[in-house]
């Protein structure tokens, strides 16, 4: 079972995942990344302002994929 690492980029800052998760396959890693982004979107949406968040998913073999959300809109 491969270990996937979910490094988070939020508004230009990088938060590397030092532990990772053992997941069955790439599909499971995509679901995990999507759920993580949804949680971050919920949390940052309440704070207002613009946000750029990306998750860079990697294994020991290198980068597997990116998942991102961008929240930009008029100032209120």
C-alpha atoms as a PDB file:
ATOM      1  CA  UNK A   1       0.000   0.000   0.000  1.00  0.00           C
ATOM      2  CA  UNK A   2       1.621   3.289  -1.057  1.00  0.00           C
ATOM      3  CA  UNK A   3       2.086   6.202   1.319  1.00  0.00           C
ATOM      4  CA  UNK A   4       0.692   9.498   0.014  1.00  0.00           C
ATOM      5  CA  UNK A   5       1.807  12.896   1.280  1.00  0.00           C
ATOM      6  CA  UNK A   6      -0.536  15.892   1.081  1.00  0.00           C
ATOM      7  CA  UNK A   7       1.472  19.128   0.993  1.00  0.00           C
ATOM      8  CA  UNK A   8      -0.769  22.183   1.341  1.00  0.00           C
ATOM      9  CA  UNK A   9      -0.125  25.544  -0.299  1.00  0.00           C
ATOM     10  CA  UNK A  10      -2.315  28.275   1.162  1.00  0.00           C
ATOM     11  CA  UNK A  11      -2.026  31.882   0.036  1.00  0.00           C
ATOM     12  CA  UNK A  12       1.620  31.386  -0.927  1.00  0.00           C
ATOM     13  CA  UNK A  13       2.735  29.454   2.161  1.00  0.00           C
ATOM     14  CA  UNK A  14       3.750  25.780   1.995  1.00  0.00           C
ATOM     15  CA  UNK A  15       2.769  23.330   4.730  1.00  0.00           C
ATOM     16  CA  UNK A  16       4.524  20.024   3.965  1.00  0.00           C
ATOM     17  CA  UNK A  17       3.018  16.752   5.114  1.00  0.00           C
ATOM     18  CA  UNK A  18       5.733  14.928   7.045  1.00  0.00           C
ATOM     19  CA  UNK A  19       3.657  11.854   7.978  1.00  0.00           C
ATOM     20  CA  UNK A  20       1.511  10.924   4.989  1.00  0.00           C
ATOM     21  CA  UNK A  21      -1.250   8.347   4.784  1.00  0.00           C
ATOM     22  CA  UNK A  22      -1.187   4.739   3.629  1.00  0.00           C
ATOM     23  CA  UNK A  23      -3.948   4.524   1.019  1.00  0.00           C
ATOM     24  CA  UNK A  24      -5.030   1.741  -1.299  1.00  0.00           C
ATOM     25  CA  UNK A  25      -4.507   3.590  -4.576  1.00  0.00           C
ATOM     26  CA  UNK A  26      -4.466   6.877  -6.470  1.00  0.00           C
ATOM     27  CA  UNK A  27      -8.268   7.077  -6.464  1.00  0.00           C
ATOM     28  CA  UNK A  28      -8.310   6.955  -2.647  1.00  0.00           C
ATOM     29  CA  UNK A  29      -5.690   9.727  -2.588  1.00  0.00           C
ATOM     30  CA  UNK A  30      -7.871  11.870  -4.881  1.00  0.00           C
ATOM     31  CA  UNK A  31     -10.866  11.393  -2.578  1.00  0.00           C
ATOM     32  CA  UNK A  32      -8.731  12.322   0.441  1.00  0.00           C
ATOM     33  CA  UNK A  33      -7.440  15.455  -1.309  1.00  0.00           C
ATOM     34  CA  UNK A  34     -10.966  16.515  -2.321  1.00  0.00           C
ATOM     35  CA  UNK A  35     -12.287  16.020   1.218  1.00  0.00           C
ATOM     36  CA  UNK A  36      -9.367  17.970   2.665  1.00  0.00           C
ATOM     37  CA  UNK A  37      -9.946  20.852   0.240  1.00  0.00           C
ATOM     38  CA  UNK A  38     -13.647  20.881   1.099  1.00  0.00           C
ATOM     39  CA  UNK A  39     -12.809  21.222   4.793  1.00  0.00           C
ATOM     40  CA  UNK A  40     -10.321  24.021   4.145  1.00  0.00           C
ATOM     41  CA  UNK A  41     -12.866  25.784   1.905  1.00  0.00           C
ATOM     42  CA  UNK A  42     -15.462  25.641   4.693  1.00  0.00           C
ATOM     43  CA  UNK A  43     -13.010  27.072   7.218  1.00  0.00           C
ATOM     44  CA  UNK A  44     -11.597  29.830   5.011  1.00  0.00           C
ATOM     45  CA  UNK A  45     -14.979  30.787   3.555  1.00  0.00           C
ATOM     46  CA  UNK A  46     -16.093  32.075   6.946  1.00  0.00           C
ATOM     47  CA  UNK A  47     -13.077  34.364   7.256  1.00  0.00           C
ATOM     48  CA  UNK A  48     -13.896  36.325   4.091  1.00  0.00           C
ATOM     49  CA  UNK A  49     -11.359  37.588   1.605  1.00  0.00           C
ATOM     50  CA  UNK A  50      -9.657  35.813  -1.248  1.00  0.00           C
ATOM     51  CA  UNK A  51      -7.967  32.444  -0.893  1.00  0.00           C
ATOM     52  CA  UNK A  52      -5.833  30.192  -3.073  1.00  0.00           C
ATOM     53  CA  UNK A  53      -5.374  26.679  -1.727  1.00  0.00           C
ATOM     54  CA  UNK A  54      -3.702  23.743  -3.428  1.00  0.00           C
ATOM     55  CA  UNK A  55      -2.794  20.266  -2.323  1.00  0.00           C
ATOM     56  CA  UNK A  56       0.229  18.680  -3.961  1.00  0.00           C
ATOM     57  CA  UNK A  57      -0.040  14.936  -3.554  1.00  0.00           C
ATOM     58  CA  UNK A  58       3.181  12.945  -3.743  1.00  0.00           C
ATOM     59  CA  UNK A  59       4.595   9.529  -2.985  1.00  0.00           C
ATOM     60  CA  UNK A  60       8.188   8.444  -2.595  1.00  0.00           C
ATOM     61  CA  UNK A  61       8.126   8.226  -6.400  1.00  0.00           C
ATOM     62  CA  UNK A  62       7.373  11.944  -6.774  1.00  0.00           C
ATOM     63  CA  UNK A  63       4.448  14.230  -7.496  1.00  0.00           C
ATOM     64  CA  UNK A  64       1.223  12.412  -8.370  1.00  0.00           C
ATOM     65  CA  UNK A  65      -1.245  15.286  -8.871  1.00  0.00           C
ATOM     66  CA  UNK A  66      -2.421  18.736  -7.758  1.00  0.00           C
ATOM     67  CA  UNK A  67      -5.878  19.618  -6.470  1.00  0.00           C
ATOM     68  CA  UNK A  68      -6.877  23.240  -5.874  1.00  0.00           C
ATOM     69  CA  UNK A  69      -9.611  25.721  -5.126  1.00  0.00           C
ATOM     70  CA  UNK A  70      -9.567  29.458  -5.665  1.00  0.00           C
ATOM     71  CA  UNK A  71     -11.958  31.817  -3.936  1.00  0.00           C
ATOM     72  CA  UNK A  72     -11.894  35.324  -5.371  1.00  0.00           C
ATOM     73  CA  UNK A  73     -14.673  37.810  -5.480  1.00  0.00           C
ATOM     74  CA  UNK A  74     -15.694  41.385  -4.895  1.00  0.00           C
ATOM     75  CA  UNK A  75     -14.840  42.891  -1.521  1.00  0.00           C
ATOM     76  CA  UNK A  76     -17.832  43.289   0.755  1.00  0.00           C
END
